[in-house]
């Protein structure tokens, strides 16, 4: 099995970014959605971006932004990938995917039709988040692991939603995802990471892989 990648999402400051990198994170998520408690401004993200080593990818999180808005930030911040967390149709994803890797996020309810993924052939990967009606972006609730496991057989699946130190090893073992994504599960408060839990979380991911 290839190594499960770890994405630490909702980075708002350099100290948290560096702690995540030290702990072994592969991707860092910068949230540009205005209503998110983890929102970061372009100016703040621009200070952190040059501090990331080459091997760590910077991912911008957007909700229902236009391809032009996404493209502008991608260029100015040299984003390695973008995560689209709204109701973006396949055409929008395809347009954005011409210039950068796109992770398309879905809120997964019990009856989520996995065939939906086939409508987005230009997406690099799919993020499965928990359904929490009316709320975009990380809800902190657990996702349907069974649907994720099915999808992971034929797609790159990034498992998000309700992951924490206590359950991520089991999630990795059961779902065998391409990557896991965590924000609130390693925080002391929204937007502020707990560096001890960050390290433990990534250790647990690696433990889950070995099982």
Protein backbone atom coordinates (compact mmCIF):
# COMPACT_ATOMS: atom_id res chain seq x y z
CA UNK A 1 0.00 0.00 0.00
CA UNK A 2 1.33 3.44 -0.85
CA UNK A 3 1.76 5.90 1.98
CA UNK A 4 -1.41 7.70 3.04
CA UNK A 5 -0.85 11.42 2.63
CA UNK A 6 -1.78 13.76 5.48
CA UNK A 7 -3.41 17.12 4.87
CA UNK A 8 -3.59 19.57 7.76
CA UNK A 9 -6.32 22.04 6.90
CA UNK A 10 -7.18 25.50 8.15
CA UNK A 11 -3.63 26.78 8.63
CA UNK A 12 -3.83 30.41 9.83
CA UNK A 13 -0.31 31.16 11.04
CA UNK A 14 3.34 30.29 10.39
CA UNK A 15 3.90 28.55 13.75
CA UNK A 16 1.13 26.02 13.00
CA UNK A 17 2.38 25.53 9.45
CA UNK A 18 5.90 24.75 10.65
CA UNK A 19 4.65 22.44 13.41
CA UNK A 20 2.59 20.51 10.85
CA UNK A 21 5.60 20.19 8.54
CA UNK A 22 7.78 19.03 11.45
CA UNK A 23 5.19 16.43 12.38
CA UNK A 24 5.26 15.02 8.84
CA UNK A 25 2.32 16.64 7.02
CA UNK A 26 2.32 16.29 3.22
CA UNK A 27 -0.21 19.01 2.39
CA UNK A 28 -1.32 22.21 4.13
CA UNK A 29 -4.73 23.72 3.50
CA UNK A 30 -5.32 27.48 3.40
CA UNK A 31 -8.98 28.41 3.63
CA UNK A 32 -10.07 31.46 1.62
CA UNK A 33 -13.80 31.04 2.30
CA UNK A 34 -15.01 34.26 3.95
CA UNK A 35 -17.38 32.54 6.40
CA UNK A 36 -14.92 29.98 7.72
CA UNK A 37 -13.58 30.38 11.30
CA UNK A 38 -10.24 29.30 9.77
CA UNK A 39 -10.24 31.86 6.98
CA UNK A 40 -6.83 33.30 6.06
CA UNK A 41 -6.23 36.44 4.03
CA UNK A 42 -4.13 36.38 0.88
CA UNK A 43 -1.58 38.65 2.59
CA UNK A 44 -1.18 36.28 5.57
CA UNK A 45 -0.97 33.23 3.33
CA UNK A 46 1.69 35.00 1.25
CA UNK A 47 3.90 35.30 4.36
CA UNK A 48 3.64 31.58 5.12
CA UNK A 49 3.92 30.20 1.58
CA UNK A 50 7.70 30.76 1.08
CA UNK A 51 8.40 28.88 4.33
CA UNK A 52 7.00 25.60 2.98
CA UNK A 53 9.59 23.11 1.71
CA UNK A 54 9.19 21.82 -1.86
CA UNK A 55 7.87 18.44 -0.70
CA UNK A 56 4.91 20.00 1.16
CA UNK A 57 2.00 21.08 -1.04
CA UNK A 58 0.00 24.25 -0.50
CA UNK A 59 -3.72 23.76 -1.15
CA UNK A 60 -6.17 26.65 -1.41
CA UNK A 61 -9.75 26.01 -0.24
CA UNK A 62 -12.54 27.80 -2.11
CA UNK A 63 -16.33 27.72 -1.93
CA UNK A 64 -18.26 28.67 -5.09
CA UNK A 65 -15.52 31.04 -6.29
CA UNK A 66 -15.22 31.83 -10.00
CA UNK A 67 -12.40 30.24 -12.01
CA UNK A 68 -10.90 33.75 -12.35
CA UNK A 69 -10.82 34.27 -8.56
CA UNK A 70 -9.27 30.85 -8.02
CA UNK A 71 -6.74 31.44 -10.81
CA UNK A 72 -5.63 34.75 -9.37
CA UNK A 73 -4.83 33.33 -5.93
CA UNK A 74 -3.29 30.21 -7.44
CA UNK A 75 -0.84 32.40 -9.36
CA UNK A 76 0.00 34.88 -6.63
CA UNK A 77 0.48 32.19 -3.94
CA UNK A 78 1.90 29.48 -6.23
CA UNK A 79 -0.70 27.00 -4.99
CA UNK A 80 0.03 23.35 -5.80
CA UNK A 81 -3.64 22.39 -5.73
CA UNK A 82 -7.07 23.84 -5.04
CA UNK A 83 -9.94 22.29 -3.13
CA UNK A 84 -13.43 23.22 -4.28
CA UNK A 85 -15.82 22.85 -1.37
CA UNK A 86 -19.04 24.30 -2.76
CA UNK A 87 -21.57 23.38 -5.43
CA UNK A 88 -19.16 23.71 -8.34
CA UNK A 89 -20.46 21.97 -11.49
CA UNK A 90 -18.24 19.68 -13.59
CA UNK A 91 -17.64 22.48 -16.15
CA UNK A 92 -16.16 24.79 -13.50
CA UNK A 93 -13.95 22.01 -12.17
CA UNK A 94 -12.76 21.19 -15.69
CA UNK A 95 -11.93 24.84 -16.40
CA UNK A 96 -9.92 25.25 -13.18
CA UNK A 97 -8.26 21.84 -13.66
CA UNK A 98 -6.64 23.08 -16.87
CA UNK A 99 -4.10 25.02 -14.80
CA UNK A 100 -3.94 23.31 -11.39
CA UNK A 101 -4.80 20.03 -9.63
CA UNK A 102 -8.37 20.11 -8.33
CA UNK A 103 -9.66 18.30 -5.26
CA UNK A 104 -13.47 18.29 -5.44
CA UNK A 105 -15.12 18.04 -2.03
CA UNK A 106 -18.49 16.39 -1.40
CA UNK A 107 -20.63 16.25 1.70
CA UNK A 108 -21.41 12.55 1.98
CA UNK A 109 -24.84 11.46 3.16
CA UNK A 110 -25.84 7.82 3.53
CA UNK A 111 -27.41 7.62 0.08
CA UNK A 112 -24.70 9.58 -1.76
CA UNK A 113 -24.55 8.15 -5.31
CA UNK A 114 -20.91 7.23 -5.99
CA UNK A 115 -21.62 7.60 -9.73
CA UNK A 116 -21.54 11.37 -9.09
CA UNK A 117 -17.75 11.13 -9.02
CA UNK A 118 -17.72 10.00 -12.66
CA UNK A 119 -19.25 13.35 -13.64
CA UNK A 120 -15.97 15.03 -12.61
CA UNK A 121 -13.32 13.26 -14.73
CA UNK A 122 -10.98 16.27 -14.53
CA UNK A 123 -10.74 16.21 -10.71
CA UNK A 124 -7.43 14.90 -9.38
CA UNK A 125 -8.99 13.61 -6.15
CA UNK A 126 -12.26 13.71 -4.19
CA UNK A 127 -12.57 14.83 -0.60
CA UNK A 128 -15.32 13.11 1.39
CA UNK A 129 -16.59 15.31 4.20
CA UNK A 130 -19.49 14.69 6.56
CA UNK A 131 -22.87 16.01 5.51
CA UNK A 132 -24.07 18.82 7.71
CA UNK A 133 -26.82 20.60 5.92
CA UNK A 134 -26.26 24.24 5.12
CA UNK A 135 -22.63 24.22 6.21
CA UNK A 136 -19.75 24.35 3.76
CA UNK A 137 -16.31 23.06 4.64
CA UNK A 138 -15.21 20.99 7.61
CA UNK A 139 -18.12 20.20 9.89
CA UNK A 140 -16.14 18.13 12.39
CA UNK A 141 -18.73 15.32 12.09
CA UNK A 142 -17.73 11.82 11.02
CA UNK A 143 -18.09 10.77 7.39
CA UNK A 144 -19.65 7.55 6.10
CA UNK A 145 -16.55 5.34 6.00
CA UNK A 146 -18.31 2.60 4.07
CA UNK A 147 -19.07 4.87 1.09
CA UNK A 148 -15.51 6.18 1.26
CA UNK A 149 -14.10 2.63 1.26
CA UNK A 150 -16.14 1.74 -1.83
CA UNK A 151 -15.06 4.91 -3.63
CA UNK A 152 -11.40 4.42 -2.69
CA UNK A 153 -11.28 1.22 -4.74
CA UNK A 154 -11.43 3.24 -7.97
CA UNK A 155 -10.72 6.90 -7.08
CA UNK A 156 -8.24 8.96 -5.08
CA UNK A 157 -10.25 9.64 -1.93
CA UNK A 158 -9.25 12.14 0.74
CA UNK A 159 -11.10 11.24 3.92
CA UNK A 160 -12.16 14.18 6.10
CA UNK A 161 -14.84 14.89 8.68
CA UNK A 162 -14.56 14.03 12.35
CA UNK A 163 -11.07 12.53 12.19
CA UNK A 164 -9.00 12.78 15.35
CA UNK A 165 -6.16 11.06 17.20
CA UNK A 166 -8.56 8.49 18.65
CA UNK A 167 -10.08 7.23 15.38
CA UNK A 168 -7.75 8.00 12.47
CA UNK A 169 -5.80 4.71 12.62
CA UNK A 170 -9.08 2.79 12.28
CA UNK A 171 -10.19 5.09 9.45
CA UNK A 172 -6.96 4.44 7.54
CA UNK A 173 -7.24 0.69 8.09
CA UNK A 174 -10.89 0.49 6.98
CA UNK A 175 -11.03 3.02 4.14
CA UNK A 176 -7.48 2.80 2.73
CA UNK A 177 -7.79 6.37 1.43
CA UNK A 178 -5.34 8.27 -0.75
CA UNK A 179 -5.11 10.89 2.02
CA UNK A 180 -6.69 12.01 5.28
CA UNK A 181 -7.61 15.59 6.09
CA UNK A 182 -7.97 17.13 9.53
CA UNK A 183 -8.67 20.61 10.90
CA UNK A 184 -10.75 20.73 14.09
CA UNK A 185 -9.45 17.33 15.27
CA UNK A 186 -6.01 18.81 15.98
CA UNK A 187 -7.03 22.23 17.30
CA UNK A 188 -7.10 23.86 20.71
CA UNK A 189 -9.60 26.38 19.25
CA UNK A 190 -10.77 27.14 15.67
CA UNK A 191 -7.78 28.23 13.62
CA UNK A 192 -5.20 27.39 16.32
CA UNK A 193 -3.51 24.00 16.13
CA UNK A 194 -2.50 21.91 19.13
CA UNK A 195 1.03 20.89 18.16
CA UNK A 196 1.06 17.81 20.42
CA UNK A 197 -2.15 16.48 18.88
CA UNK A 198 -0.80 17.23 15.42
CA UNK A 199 2.17 14.94 16.03
CA UNK A 200 0.01 12.22 17.60
CA UNK A 201 -2.46 12.39 14.71
CA UNK A 202 0.22 11.76 12.10
CA UNK A 203 1.78 8.98 14.22
CA UNK A 204 -1.67 7.32 14.36
CA UNK A 205 -2.04 7.57 10.56
CA UNK A 206 1.25 5.73 10.17
CA UNK A 207 0.17 3.13 12.74
CA UNK A 208 -3.07 2.55 10.82
CA UNK A 209 -1.09 1.94 7.64
CA UNK A 210 1.00 -0.76 9.25
CA UNK A 211 -2.05 -2.73 10.39
